[in-house]
Amino acid sequence: MSSRKRHNHRNLKIWQLGTEIMKDVYDLTAVFPKREDYRLTSQLTSCAVSMPSNIAEGSARTDKAFSTFLDYSLGSSFELGTQLIAAHHAKYISEEQFEKINNKNNEFQRMTIGFMGKL
């Protein structure tokens, strides 16, 4: 039986940044109008939670399977970017808030793509 390399997700910078983005999204959406609870708020928090969650789940699998979970995480990150544009357009977040989290999200994407290339 061959041994498989496991990654400790808590030590991965992409997981750490993903959880930071997740926390930022929860803070941002806490002040959204109540009418958005089952629309934009739900969508934003869902994909923000999905980003580090998929990294955590995939880290316990083979590198090939891990790559698939990283791809899911990356997809959630791109989805988050679109929803942030919607939140900014609706004036739920300021330009400064948008830029701050969007920059983190872009960095997450670069780091994740780079990490996937190393698997």
PDB file of N, CA and C in Angstrom:
ATOM      1  N   MET A   1       0.846  -1.178   0.000  1.00  0.00           N
ATOM      2  CA  MET A   1       0.000   0.000   0.000  1.00  0.00           C
ATOM      3  C   MET A   1       0.888   1.235   0.000  1.00  0.00           C
ATOM      4  N   SER A   2       0.654   2.137  -0.938  1.00  0.00           N
ATOM      5  CA  SER A   2       1.492   3.331  -1.026  1.00  0.00           C
ATOM      6  C   SER A   2       0.978   4.409  -0.078  1.00  0.00           C
ATOM      7  N   SER A   3       1.917   5.172   0.452  1.00  0.00           N
ATOM      8  CA  SER A   3       1.506   6.266   1.342  1.00  0.00           C
ATOM      9  C   SER A   3       1.193   7.496   0.490  1.00  0.00           C
ATOM     10  N   ARG A   4       0.199   8.218   0.908  1.00  0.00           N
ATOM     11  CA  ARG A   4      -0.195   9.429   0.194  1.00  0.00           C
ATOM     12  C   ARG A   4       0.200  10.631   1.031  1.00  0.00           C
ATOM     13  N   LYS A   5       0.701  11.634   0.349  1.00  0.00           N
ATOM     14  CA  LYS A   5       1.053  12.866   1.026  1.00  0.00           C
ATOM     15  C   LYS A   5      -0.229  13.621   1.367  1.00  0.00           C
ATOM     16  N   ARG A   6      -0.324  14.046   2.591  1.00  0.00           N
ATOM     17  CA  ARG A   6      -1.467  14.840   3.028  1.00  0.00           C
ATOM     18  C   ARG A   6      -0.985  16.254   3.299  1.00  0.00           C
ATOM     19  N   HIS A   7      -1.825  17.192   3.033  1.00  0.00           N
ATOM     20  CA  HIS A   7      -1.520  18.593   3.304  1.00  0.00           C
ATOM     21  C   HIS A   7      -2.299  19.011   4.542  1.00  0.00           C
ATOM     22  N   ASN A   8      -1.643  19.701   5.449  1.00  0.00           N
ATOM     23  CA  ASN A   8      -2.350  20.258   6.597  1.00  0.00           C
ATOM     24  C   ASN A   8      -2.944  21.588   6.139  1.00  0.00           C
ATOM     25  N   HIS A   9      -4.245  21.589   5.900  1.00  0.00           N
ATOM     26  CA  HIS A   9      -4.886  22.775   5.330  1.00  0.00           C
ATOM     27  C   HIS A   9      -4.674  24.029   6.172  1.00  0.00           C
ATOM     28  N   ARG A  10      -4.582  23.875   7.486  1.00  0.00           N
ATOM     29  CA  ARG A  10      -4.414  25.048   8.351  1.00  0.00           C
ATOM     30  C   ARG A  10      -3.063  25.735   8.145  1.00  0.00           C
ATOM     31  N   ASN A  11      -2.111  25.022   7.603  1.00  0.00           N
ATOM     32  CA  ASN A  11      -0.795  25.606   7.326  1.00  0.00           C
ATOM     33  C   ASN A  11      -0.686  26.211   5.932  1.00  0.00           C
ATOM     34  N   LEU A  12      -1.690  25.995   5.098  1.00  0.00           N
ATOM     35  CA  LEU A  12      -1.653  26.510   3.722  1.00  0.00           C
ATOM     36  C   LEU A  12      -2.067  27.982   3.687  1.00  0.00           C
ATOM     37  N   LYS A  13      -1.244  28.801   3.047  1.00  0.00           N
ATOM     38  CA  LYS A  13      -1.540  30.241   2.965  1.00  0.00           C
ATOM     39  C   LYS A  13      -2.847  30.508   2.222  1.00  0.00           C
ATOM     40  N   ILE A  14      -3.172  29.653   1.246  1.00  0.00           N
ATOM     41  CA  ILE A  14      -4.437  29.856   0.528  1.00  0.00           C
ATOM     42  C   ILE A  14      -5.633  29.601   1.438  1.00  0.00           C
ATOM     43  N   TRP A  15      -5.533  28.612   2.321  1.00  0.00           N
ATOM     44  CA  TRP A  15      -6.623  28.356   3.269  1.00  0.00           C
ATOM     45  C   TRP A  15      -6.736  29.520   4.249  1.00  0.00           C
ATOM     46  N   GLN A  16      -5.607  30.009   4.735  1.00  0.00           N
ATOM     47  CA  GLN A  16      -5.602  31.129   5.680  1.00  0.00           C
ATOM     48  C   GLN A  16      -6.211  32.380   5.049  1.00  0.00           C
ATOM     49  N   LEU A  17      -5.822  32.679   3.810  1.00  0.00           N
ATOM     50  CA  LEU A  17      -6.394  33.839   3.124  1.00  0.00           C
ATOM     51  C   LEU A  17      -7.872  33.611   2.841  1.00  0.00           C
ATOM     52  N   GLY A  18      -8.240  32.395   2.471  1.00  0.00           N
ATOM     53  CA  GLY A  18      -9.651  32.076   2.230  1.00  0.00           C
ATOM     54  C   GLY A  18     -10.503  32.291   3.467  1.00  0.00           C
ATOM     55  N   THR A  19      -9.999  31.907   4.633  1.00  0.00           N
ATOM     56  CA  THR A  19     -10.777  32.123   5.868  1.00  0.00           C
ATOM     57  C   THR A  19     -10.844  33.603   6.215  1.00  0.00           C
ATOM     58  N   GLU A  20      -9.794  34.345   5.899  1.00  0.00           N
ATOM     59  CA  GLU A  20      -9.818  35.796   6.121  1.00  0.00           C
ATOM     60  C   GLU A  20     -10.885  36.460   5.239  1.00  0.00           C
ATOM     61  N   ILE A  21     -10.942  36.045   3.984  1.00  0.00           N
ATOM     62  CA  ILE A  21     -11.967  36.561   3.062  1.00  0.00           C
ATOM     63  C   ILE A  21     -13.355  36.181   3.565  1.00  0.00           C
ATOM     64  N   MET A  22     -13.503  34.947   4.024  1.00  0.00           N
ATOM     65  CA  MET A  22     -14.795  34.485   4.561  1.00  0.00           C
ATOM     66  C   MET A  22     -15.244  35.383   5.715  1.00  0.00           C
ATOM     67  N   LYS A  23     -14.340  35.671   6.633  1.00  0.00           N
ATOM     68  CA  LYS A  23     -14.674  36.536   7.769  1.00  0.00           C
ATOM     69  C   LYS A  23     -15.036  37.940   7.292  1.00  0.00           C
ATOM     70  N   ASP A  24     -14.284  38.457   6.329  1.00  0.00           N
ATOM     71  CA  ASP A  24     -14.584  39.785   5.772  1.00  0.00           C
ATOM     72  C   ASP A  24     -15.987  39.829   5.169  1.00  0.00           C
ATOM     73  N   VAL A  25     -16.343  38.772   4.450  1.00  0.00           N
ATOM     74  CA  VAL A  25     -17.666  38.720   3.815  1.00  0.00           C
ATOM     75  C   VAL A  25     -18.764  38.691   4.882  1.00  0.00           C
ATOM     76  N   TYR A  26     -18.560  37.919   5.937  1.00  0.00           N
ATOM     77  CA  TYR A  26     -19.556  37.904   7.022  1.00  0.00           C
ATOM     78  C   TYR A  26     -19.700  39.285   7.643  1.00  0.00           C
ATOM     79  N   ASP A  27     -18.576  39.980   7.837  1.00  0.00           N
ATOM     80  CA  ASP A  27     -18.637  41.332   8.398  1.00  0.00           C
ATOM     81  C   ASP A  27     -19.359  42.293   7.457  1.00  0.00           C
ATOM     82  N   LEU A  28     -19.066  42.202   6.162  1.00  0.00           N
ATOM     83  CA  LEU A  28     -19.709  43.079   5.182  1.00  0.00           C
ATOM     84  C   LEU A  28     -21.213  42.842   5.107  1.00  0.00           C
ATOM     85  N   THR A  29     -21.605  41.584   5.067  1.00  0.00           N
ATOM     86  CA  THR A  29     -23.020  41.266   4.855  1.00  0.00           C
ATOM     87  C   THR A  29     -23.866  41.451   6.113  1.00  0.00           C
ATOM     88  N   ALA A  30     -23.226  41.617   7.258  1.00  0.00           N
ATOM     89  CA  ALA A  30     -23.979  41.804   8.516  1.00  0.00           C
ATOM     90  C   ALA A  30     -24.859  43.044   8.479  1.00  0.00           C
ATOM     91  N   VAL A  31     -24.503  44.001   7.642  1.00  0.00           N
ATOM     92  CA  VAL A  31     -25.277  45.249   7.577  1.00  0.00           C
ATOM     93  C   VAL A  31     -26.117  45.360   6.302  1.00  0.00           C
ATOM     94  N   PHE A  32     -26.164  44.304   5.517  1.00  0.00           N
ATOM     95  CA  PHE A  32     -27.001  44.317   4.314  1.00  0.00           C
ATOM     96  C   PHE A  32     -28.470  44.383   4.721  1.00  0.00           C
ATOM     97  N   PRO A  33     -29.313  44.927   3.844  1.00  0.00           N
ATOM     98  CA  PRO A  33     -30.751  44.947   4.153  1.00  0.00           C
ATOM     99  C   PRO A  33     -31.298  43.535   4.372  1.00  0.00           C
ATOM    100  N   LYS A  34     -32.258  43.425   5.237  1.00  0.00           N
ATOM    101  CA  LYS A  34     -32.878  42.132   5.569  1.00  0.00           C
ATOM    102  C   LYS A  34     -33.435  41.438   4.320  1.00  0.00           C
ATOM    103  N   ARG A  35     -33.913  42.209   3.368  1.00  0.00           N
ATOM    104  CA  ARG A  35     -34.504  41.624   2.153  1.00  0.00           C
ATOM    105  C   ARG A  35     -33.482  40.836   1.337  1.00  0.00           C
ATOM    106  N   GLU A  36     -32.196  41.054   1.601  1.00  0.00           N
ATOM    107  CA  GLU A  36     -31.143  40.353   0.876  1.00  0.00           C
ATOM    108  C   GLU A  36     -30.715  39.047   1.539  1.00  0.00           C
ATOM    109  N   ASP A  37     -31.298  38.727   2.702  1.00  0.00           N
ATOM    110  CA  ASP A  37     -30.873  37.529   3.439  1.00  0.00           C
ATOM    111  C   ASP A  37     -30.872  36.264   2.595  1.00  0.00           C
ATOM    112  N   TYR A  38     -31.878  36.071   1.778  1.00  0.00           N
ATOM    113  CA  TYR A  38     -31.988  34.841   0.984  1.00  0.00           C
ATOM    114  C   TYR A  38     -31.597  35.069  -0.470  1.00  0.00           C
ATOM    115  N   ARG A  39     -30.960  36.195  -0.721  1.00  0.00           N
ATOM    116  CA  ARG A  39     -30.496  36.487  -2.081  1.00  0.00           C
ATOM    117  C   ARG A  39     -28.989  36.742  -2.030  1.00  0.00           C
ATOM    118  N   LEU A  40     -28.591  37.974  -2.135  1.00  0.00           N
ATOM    119  CA  LEU A  40     -27.184  38.302  -2.248  1.00  0.00           C
ATOM    120  C   LEU A  40     -26.381  37.928  -1.001  1.00  0.00           C
ATOM    121  N   THR A  41     -26.926  38.159   0.180  1.00  0.00           N
ATOM    122  CA  THR A  41     -26.214  37.799   1.411  1.00  0.00           C
ATOM    123  C   THR A  41     -25.920  36.304   1.434  1.00  0.00           C
ATOM    124  N   SER A  42     -26.917  35.509   1.129  1.00  0.00           N
ATOM    125  CA  SER A  42     -26.767  34.055   1.121  1.00  0.00           C
ATOM    126  C   SER A  42     -25.746  33.609   0.072  1.00  0.00           C
ATOM    127  N   GLN A  43     -25.794  34.205  -1.102  1.00  0.00           N
ATOM    128  CA  GLN A  43     -24.866  33.834  -2.164  1.00  0.00           C
ATOM    129  C   GLN A  43     -23.434  34.209  -1.804  1.00  0.00           C
ATOM    130  N   LEU A  44     -23.253  35.415  -1.280  1.00  0.00           N
ATOM    131  CA  LEU A  44     -21.905  35.856  -0.898  1.00  0.00           C
ATOM    132  C   LEU A  44     -21.302  34.963   0.184  1.00  0.00           C
ATOM    133  N   THR A  45     -22.076  34.719   1.230  1.00  0.00           N
ATOM    134  CA  THR A  45     -21.535  33.907   2.329  1.00  0.00           C
ATOM    135  C   THR A  45     -21.313  32.460   1.888  1.00  0.00           C
ATOM    136  N   SER A  46     -22.173  31.950   1.039  1.00  0.00           N
ATOM    137  CA  SER A  46     -22.032  30.574   0.571  1.00  0.00           C
ATOM    138  C   SER A  46     -20.719  30.374  -0.184  1.00  0.00           C
ATOM    139  N   CYS A  47     -20.430  31.232  -1.128  1.00  0.00           N
ATOM    140  CA  CYS A  47     -19.185  31.016  -1.877  1.00  0.00           C
ATOM    141  C   CYS A  47     -17.968  31.392  -1.047  1.00  0.00           C
ATOM    142  N   ALA A  48     -18.081  32.344  -0.133  1.00  0.00           N
ATOM    143  CA  ALA A  48     -16.944  32.688   0.731  1.00  0.00           C
ATOM    144  C   ALA A  48     -16.599  31.527   1.666  1.00  0.00           C
ATOM    145  N   VAL A  49     -17.606  30.839   2.172  1.00  0.00           N
ATOM    146  CA  VAL A  49     -17.376  29.666   3.027  1.00  0.00           C
ATOM    147  C   VAL A  49     -16.835  28.502   2.192  1.00  0.00           C
ATOM    148  N   SER A  50     -17.292  28.396   0.974  1.00  0.00           N
ATOM    149  CA  SER A  50     -16.875  27.315   0.092  1.00  0.00           C
ATOM    150  C   SER A  50     -15.384  27.360  -0.246  1.00  0.00           C
ATOM    151  N   MET A  51     -14.834  28.552  -0.323  1.00  0.00           N
ATOM    152  CA  MET A  51     -13.423  28.686  -0.715  1.00  0.00           C
ATOM    153  C   MET A  51     -12.488  27.930   0.238  1.00  0.00           C
ATOM    154  N   PRO A  52     -12.440  28.262   1.526  1.00  0.00           N
ATOM    155  CA  PRO A  52     -11.550  27.509   2.421  1.00  0.00           C
ATOM    156  C   PRO A  52     -12.059  26.098   2.723  1.00  0.00           C
ATOM    157  N   SER A  53     -13.371  25.903   2.665  1.00  0.00           N
ATOM    158  CA  SER A  53     -13.925  24.573   2.949  1.00  0.00           C
ATOM    159  C   SER A  53     -13.464  23.543   1.932  1.00  0.00           C
ATOM    160  N   ASN A  54     -13.459  23.903   0.663  1.00  0.00           N
ATOM    161  CA  ASN A  54     -13.000  22.973  -0.368  1.00  0.00           C
ATOM    162  C   ASN A  54     -11.510  22.690  -0.246  1.00  0.00           C
ATOM    163  N   ILE A  55     -10.742  23.682   0.181  1.00  0.00           N
ATOM    164  CA  ILE A  55      -9.314  23.452   0.416  1.00  0.00           C
ATOM    165  C   ILE A  55      -9.137  22.455   1.559  1.00  0.00           C
ATOM    166  N   ALA A  56      -9.891  22.646   2.623  1.00  0.00           N
ATOM    167  CA  ALA A  56      -9.807  21.742   3.776  1.00  0.00           C
ATOM    168  C   ALA A  56     -10.198  20.322   3.379  1.00  0.00           C
ATOM    169  N   GLU A  57     -11.302  20.172   2.679  1.00  0.00           N
ATOM    170  CA  GLU A  57     -11.747  18.839   2.289  1.00  0.00           C
ATOM    171  C   GLU A  57     -10.765  18.168   1.342  1.00  0.00           C
ATOM    172  N   GLY A  58     -10.291  18.917   0.363  1.00  0.00           N
ATOM    173  CA  GLY A  58      -9.370  18.344  -0.615  1.00  0.00           C
ATOM    174  C   GLY A  58      -8.017  17.994  -0.046  1.00  0.00           C
ATOM    175  N   SER A  59      -7.617  18.681   1.021  1.00  0.00           N
ATOM    176  CA  SER A  59      -6.279  18.449   1.587  1.00  0.00           C
ATOM    177  C   SER A  59      -6.115  17.041   2.149  1.00  0.00           C
ATOM    178  N   ALA A  60      -7.199  16.375   2.434  1.00  0.00           N
ATOM    179  CA  ALA A  60      -7.145  15.018   2.981  1.00  0.00           C
ATOM    180  C   ALA A  60      -7.135  13.954   1.888  1.00  0.00           C
ATOM    181  N   ARG A  61      -7.093  14.374   0.654  1.00  0.00           N
ATOM    182  CA  ARG A  61      -7.180  13.434  -0.474  1.00  0.00           C
ATOM    183  C   ARG A  61      -5.871  13.385  -1.253  1.00  0.00           C
ATOM    184  N   THR A  62      -5.867  12.608  -2.303  1.00  0.00           N
ATOM    185  CA  THR A  62      -4.680  12.534  -3.165  1.00  0.00           C
ATOM    186  C   THR A  62      -4.469  13.886  -3.838  1.00  0.00           C
ATOM    187  N   ASP A  63      -3.259  14.099  -4.337  1.00  0.00           N
ATOM    188  CA  ASP A  63      -2.984  15.373  -5.016  1.00  0.00           C
ATOM    189  C   ASP A  63      -3.901  15.587  -6.221  1.00  0.00           C
ATOM    190  N   LYS A  64      -4.218  14.521  -6.928  1.00  0.00           N
ATOM    191  CA  LYS A  64      -5.115  14.642  -8.092  1.00  0.00           C
ATOM    192  C   LYS A  64      -6.510  15.099  -7.637  1.00  0.00           C
ATOM    193  N   ALA A  65      -7.023  14.469  -6.594  1.00  0.00           N
ATOM    194  CA  ALA A  65      -8.339  14.863  -6.071  1.00  0.00           C
ATOM    195  C   ALA A  65      -8.265  16.255  -5.444  1.00  0.00           C
ATOM    196  N   PHE A  66      -7.168  16.546  -4.762  1.00  0.00           N
ATOM    197  CA  PHE A  66      -6.986  17.860  -4.139  1.00  0.00           C
ATOM    198  C   PHE A  66      -7.063  18.951  -5.205  1.00  0.00           C
ATOM    199  N   SER A  67      -6.463  18.693  -6.345  1.00  0.00           N
ATOM    200  CA  SER A  67      -6.492  19.664  -7.442  1.00  0.00           C
ATOM    201  C   SER A  67      -7.928  19.973  -7.863  1.00  0.00           C
ATOM    202  N   THR A  68      -8.778  18.962  -7.871  1.00  0.00           N
ATOM    203  CA  THR A  68     -10.192  19.161  -8.215  1.00  0.00           C
ATOM    204  C   THR A  68     -10.870  20.056  -7.181  1.00  0.00           C
ATOM    205  N   PHE A  69     -10.596  19.822  -5.902  1.00  0.00           N
ATOM    206  CA  PHE A  69     -11.192  20.647  -4.851  1.00  0.00           C
ATOM    207  C   PHE A  69     -10.653  22.079  -4.896  1.00  0.00           C
ATOM    208  N   LEU A  70      -9.386  22.229  -5.273  1.00  0.00           N
ATOM    209  CA  LEU A  70      -8.837  23.570  -5.435  1.00  0.00           C
ATOM    210  C   LEU A  70      -9.534  24.293  -6.584  1.00  0.00           C
ATOM    211  N   ASP A  71      -9.859  23.528  -7.617  1.00  0.00           N
ATOM    212  CA  ASP A  71     -10.587  24.091  -8.755  1.00  0.00           C
ATOM    213  C   ASP A  71     -11.978  24.563  -8.323  1.00  0.00           C
ATOM    214  N   TYR A  72     -12.645  23.794  -7.471  1.00  0.00           N
ATOM    215  CA  TYR A  72     -13.948  24.216  -6.936  1.00  0.00           C
ATOM    216  C   TYR A  72     -13.794  25.502  -6.127  1.00  0.00           C
ATOM    217  N   SER A  73     -12.760  25.548  -5.310  1.00  0.00           N
ATOM    218  CA  SER A  73     -12.489  26.725  -4.489  1.00  0.00           C
ATOM    219  C   SER A  73     -12.247  27.947  -5.373  1.00  0.00           C
ATOM    220  N   LEU A  74     -11.490  27.761  -6.422  1.00  0.00           N
ATOM    221  CA  LEU A  74     -11.205  28.841  -7.362  1.00  0.00           C
ATOM    222  C   LEU A  74     -12.492  29.321  -8.038  1.00  0.00           C
ATOM    223  N   GLY A  75     -13.338  28.387  -8.423  1.00  0.00           N
ATOM    224  CA  GLY A  75     -14.627  28.755  -9.024  1.00  0.00           C
ATOM    225  C   GLY A  75     -15.472  29.584  -8.072  1.00  0.00           C
ATOM    226  N   SER A  76     -15.483  29.210  -6.804  1.00  0.00           N
ATOM    227  CA  SER A  76     -16.220  29.980  -5.801  1.00  0.00           C
ATOM    228  C   SER A  76     -15.644  31.377  -5.653  1.00  0.00           C
ATOM    229  N   SER A  77     -14.335  31.488  -5.795  1.00  0.00           N
ATOM    230  CA  SER A  77     -13.676  32.784  -5.710  1.00  0.00           C
ATOM    231  C   SER A  77     -14.101  33.695  -6.866  1.00  0.00           C
ATOM    232  N   PHE A  78     -14.181  33.144  -8.064  1.00  0.00           N
ATOM    233  CA  PHE A  78     -14.633  33.933  -9.203  1.00  0.00           C
ATOM    234  C   PHE A  78     -16.108  34.324  -9.053  1.00  0.00           C
ATOM    235  N   GLU A  79     -16.892  33.420  -8.525  1.00  0.00           N
ATOM    236  CA  GLU A  79     -18.296  33.724  -8.245  1.00  0.00           C
ATOM    237  C   GLU A  79     -18.391  34.855  -7.222  1.00  0.00           C
ATOM    238  N   LEU A  80     -17.573  34.786  -6.180  1.00  0.00           N
ATOM    239  CA  LEU A  80     -17.555  35.843  -5.171  1.00  0.00           C
ATOM    240  C   LEU A  80     -17.238  37.190  -5.801  1.00  0.00           C
ATOM    241  N   GLY A  81     -16.290  37.220  -6.718  1.00  0.00           N
ATOM    242  CA  GLY A  81     -15.935  38.470  -7.383  1.00  0.00           C
ATOM    243  C   GLY A  81     -17.116  39.117  -8.084  1.00  0.00           C
ATOM    244  N   THR A  82     -17.919  38.310  -8.746  1.00  0.00           N
ATOM    245  CA  THR A  82     -19.103  38.823  -9.436  1.00  0.00           C
ATOM    246  C   THR A  82     -20.134  39.340  -8.442  1.00  0.00           C
ATOM    247  N   GLN A  83     -20.323  38.622  -7.351  1.00  0.00           N
ATOM    248  CA  GLN A  83     -21.300  39.042  -6.349  1.00  0.00           C
ATOM    249  C   GLN A  83     -20.850  40.305  -5.618  1.00  0.00           C
ATOM    250  N   LEU A  84     -19.553  40.480  -5.456  1.00  0.00           N
ATOM    251  CA  LEU A  84     -19.046  41.722  -4.864  1.00  0.00           C
ATOM    252  C   LEU A  84     -19.352  42.917  -5.762  1.00  0.00           C
ATOM    253  N   ILE A  85     -19.250  42.710  -7.066  1.00  0.00           N
ATOM    254  CA  ILE A  85     -19.624  43.772  -8.011  1.00  0.00           C
ATOM    255  C   ILE A  85     -21.093  44.128  -7.837  1.00  0.00           C
ATOM    256  N   ALA A  86     -21.940  43.115  -7.687  1.00  0.00           N
ATOM    257  CA  ALA A  86     -23.374  43.359  -7.484  1.00  0.00           C
ATOM    258  C   ALA A  86     -23.615  44.123  -6.185  1.00  0.00           C
ATOM    259  N   ALA A  87     -22.929  43.733  -5.108  1.00  0.00           N
ATOM    260  CA  ALA A  87     -23.093  44.412  -3.815  1.00  0.00           C
ATOM    261  C   ALA A  87     -22.620  45.856  -3.890  1.00  0.00           C
ATOM    262  N   HIS A  88     -21.550  46.087  -4.612  1.00  0.00           N
ATOM    263  CA  HIS A  88     -21.044  47.456  -4.783  1.00  0.00           C
ATOM    264  C   HIS A  88     -22.020  48.280  -5.614  1.00  0.00           C
ATOM    265  N   HIS A  89     -22.521  47.681  -6.691  1.00  0.00           N
ATOM    266  CA  HIS A  89     -23.489  48.378  -7.549  1.00  0.00           C
ATOM    267  C   HIS A  89     -24.759  48.757  -6.774  1.00  0.00           C
ATOM    268  N   ALA A  90     -25.179  47.864  -5.892  1.00  0.00           N
ATOM    269  CA  ALA A  90     -26.386  48.127  -5.088  1.00  0.00           C
ATOM    270  C   ALA A  90     -26.103  49.094  -3.930  1.00  0.00           C
ATOM    271  N   LYS A  91     -24.846  49.511  -3.819  1.00  0.00           N
ATOM    272  CA  LYS A  91     -24.411  50.438  -2.778  1.00  0.00           C
ATOM    273  C   LYS A  91     -24.503  49.845  -1.360  1.00  0.00           C
ATOM    274  N   TYR A  92     -24.359  48.514  -1.283  1.00  0.00           N
ATOM    275  CA  TYR A  92     -24.310  47.848   0.014  1.00  0.00           C
ATOM    276  C   TYR A  92     -22.898  47.895   0.597  1.00  0.00           C
ATOM    277  N   ILE A  93     -21.905  48.038  -0.301  1.00  0.00           N
ATOM    278  CA  ILE A  93     -20.529  48.194   0.157  1.00  0.00           C
ATOM    279  C   ILE A  93     -19.910  49.405  -0.546  1.00  0.00           C
ATOM    280  N   SER A  94     -19.011  50.056   0.144  1.00  0.00           N
ATOM    281  CA  SER A  94     -18.352  51.246  -0.393  1.00  0.00           C
ATOM    282  C   SER A  94     -17.265  50.841  -1.399  1.00  0.00           C
ATOM    283  N   GLU A  95     -16.763  51.837  -2.096  1.00  0.00           N
ATOM    284  CA  GLU A  95     -15.659  51.607  -3.033  1.00  0.00           C
ATOM    285  C   GLU A  95     -14.443  51.062  -2.288  1.00  0.00           C
ATOM    286  N   GLU A  96     -14.167  51.619  -1.123  1.00  0.00           N
ATOM    287  CA  GLU A  96     -13.027  51.179  -0.322  1.00  0.00           C
ATOM    288  C   GLU A  96     -13.191  49.725   0.131  1.00  0.00           C
ATOM    289  N   GLN A  97     -14.386  49.379   0.610  1.00  0.00           N
ATOM    290  CA  GLN A  97     -14.642  47.996   1.024  1.00  0.00           C
ATOM    291  C   GLN A  97     -14.509  47.047  -0.154  1.00  0.00           C
ATOM    292  N   PHE A  98     -15.074  47.457  -1.286  1.00  0.00           N
ATOM    293  CA  PHE A  98     -15.001  46.631  -2.494  1.00  0.00           C
ATOM    294  C   PHE A  98     -13.549  46.387  -2.896  1.00  0.00           C
ATOM    295  N   GLU A  99     -12.758  47.454  -2.962  1.00  0.00           N
ATOM    296  CA  GLU A  99     -11.361  47.330  -3.375  1.00  0.00           C
ATOM    297  C   GLU A  99     -10.569  46.428  -2.434  1.00  0.00           C
ATOM    298  N   LYS A 100     -10.793  46.590  -1.137  1.00  0.00           N
ATOM    299  CA  LYS A 100     -10.048  45.805  -0.148  1.00  0.00           C
ATOM    300  C   LYS A 100     -10.314  44.305  -0.311  1.00  0.00           C
ATOM    301  N   ILE A 101     -11.572  43.931  -0.352  1.00  0.00           N
ATOM    302  CA  ILE A 101     -11.880  42.497  -0.441  1.00  0.00           C
ATOM    303  C   ILE A 101     -11.638  41.958  -1.850  1.00  0.00           C
ATOM    304  N   ASN A 102     -11.856  42.780  -2.850  1.00  0.00           N
ATOM    305  CA  ASN A 102     -11.598  42.342  -4.221  1.00  0.00           C
ATOM    306  C   ASN A 102     -10.100  42.085  -4.428  1.00  0.00           C
ATOM    307  N   ASN A 103      -9.250  42.922  -3.846  1.00  0.00           N
ATOM    308  CA  ASN A 103      -7.805  42.706  -3.935  1.00  0.00           C
ATOM    309  C   ASN A 103      -7.401  41.401  -3.241  1.00  0.00           C
ATOM    310  N   LYS A 104      -7.989  41.137  -2.085  1.00  0.00           N
ATOM    311  CA  LYS A 104      -7.712  39.869  -1.388  1.00  0.00           C
ATOM    312  C   LYS A 104      -8.169  38.687  -2.241  1.00  0.00           C
ATOM    313  N   ASN A 105      -9.330  38.825  -2.858  1.00  0.00           N
ATOM    314  CA  ASN A 105      -9.867  37.756  -3.692  1.00  0.00           C
ATOM    315  C   ASN A 105      -8.972  37.513  -4.906  1.00  0.00           C
ATOM    316  N   ASN A 106      -8.486  38.579  -5.516  1.00  0.00           N
ATOM    317  CA  ASN A 106      -7.568  38.431  -6.653  1.00  0.00           C
ATOM    318  C   ASN A 106      -6.277  37.740  -6.224  1.00  0.00           C
ATOM    319  N   GLU A 107      -5.770  38.085  -5.044  1.00  0.00           N
ATOM    320  CA  GLU A 107      -4.568  37.437  -4.519  1.00  0.00           C
ATOM    321  C   GLU A 107      -4.831  35.956  -4.250  1.00  0.00           C
ATOM    322  N   PHE A 108      -6.003  35.650  -3.707  1.00  0.00           N
ATOM    323  CA  PHE A 108      -6.396  34.257  -3.470  1.00  0.00           C
ATOM    324  C   PHE A 108      -6.371  33.479  -4.790  1.00  0.00           C
ATOM    325  N   GLN A 109      -6.905  34.073  -5.838  1.00  0.00           N
ATOM    326  CA  GLN A 109      -6.931  33.413  -7.139  1.00  0.00           C
ATOM    327  C   GLN A 109      -5.526  33.155  -7.663  1.00  0.00           C
ATOM    328  N   ARG A 110      -4.648  34.147  -7.582  1.00  0.00           N
ATOM    329  CA  ARG A 110      -3.266  33.979  -8.043  1.00  0.00           C
ATOM    330  C   ARG A 110      -2.555  32.875  -7.246  1.00  0.00           C
ATOM    331  N   MET A 111      -2.717  32.918  -5.934  1.00  0.00           N
ATOM    332  CA  MET A 111      -2.053  31.933  -5.080  1.00  0.00           C
ATOM    333  C   MET A 111      -2.581  30.520  -5.337  1.00  0.00           C
ATOM    334  N   THR A 112      -3.882  30.402  -5.509  1.00  0.00           N
ATOM    335  CA  THR A 112      -4.486  29.085  -5.739  1.00  0.00           C
ATOM    336  C   THR A 112      -4.047  28.507  -7.070  1.00  0.00           C
ATOM    337  N   ILE A 113      -4.035  29.319  -8.109  1.00  0.00           N
ATOM    338  CA  ILE A 113      -3.583  28.856  -9.416  1.00  0.00           C
ATOM    339  C   ILE A 113      -2.119  28.429  -9.337  1.00  0.00           C
ATOM    340  N   GLY A 114      -1.301  29.201  -8.639  1.00  0.00           N
ATOM    341  CA  GLY A 114       0.106  28.842  -8.461  1.00  0.00           C
ATOM    342  C   GLY A 114       0.276  27.538  -7.695  1.00  0.00           C
ATOM    343  N   PHE A 115      -0.503  27.358  -6.649  1.00  0.00           N
ATOM    344  CA  PHE A 115      -0.424  26.134  -5.846  1.00  0.00           C
ATOM    345  C   PHE A 115      -0.858  24.919  -6.674  1.00  0.00           C
ATOM    346  N   MET A 116      -1.899  25.111  -7.461  1.00  0.00           N
ATOM    347  CA  MET A 116      -2.372  24.003  -8.311  1.00  0.00           C
ATOM    348  C   MET A 116      -1.291  23.573  -9.289  1.00  0.00           C
ATOM    349  N   GLY A 117      -0.513  24.528  -9.770  1.00  0.00           N
ATOM    350  CA  GLY A 117       0.556  24.221 -10.708  1.00  0.00           C
ATOM    351  C   GLY A 117       1.684  23.415 -10.081  1.00  0.00           C
ATOM    352  N   LYS A 118       1.791  23.487  -8.760  1.00  0.00           N
ATOM    353  CA  LYS A 118       2.854  22.763  -8.057  1.00  0.00           C
ATOM    354  C   LYS A 118       2.438  21.356  -7.624  1.00  0.00           C
ATOM    355  N   LEU A 119       1.155  21.037  -7.684  1.00  0.00           N
ATOM    356  CA  LEU A 119       0.713  19.696  -7.263  1.00  0.00           C
ATOM    357  C   LEU A 119       1.113  18.643  -8.274  1.00  0.00           C
TER     358      LEU A 119
END
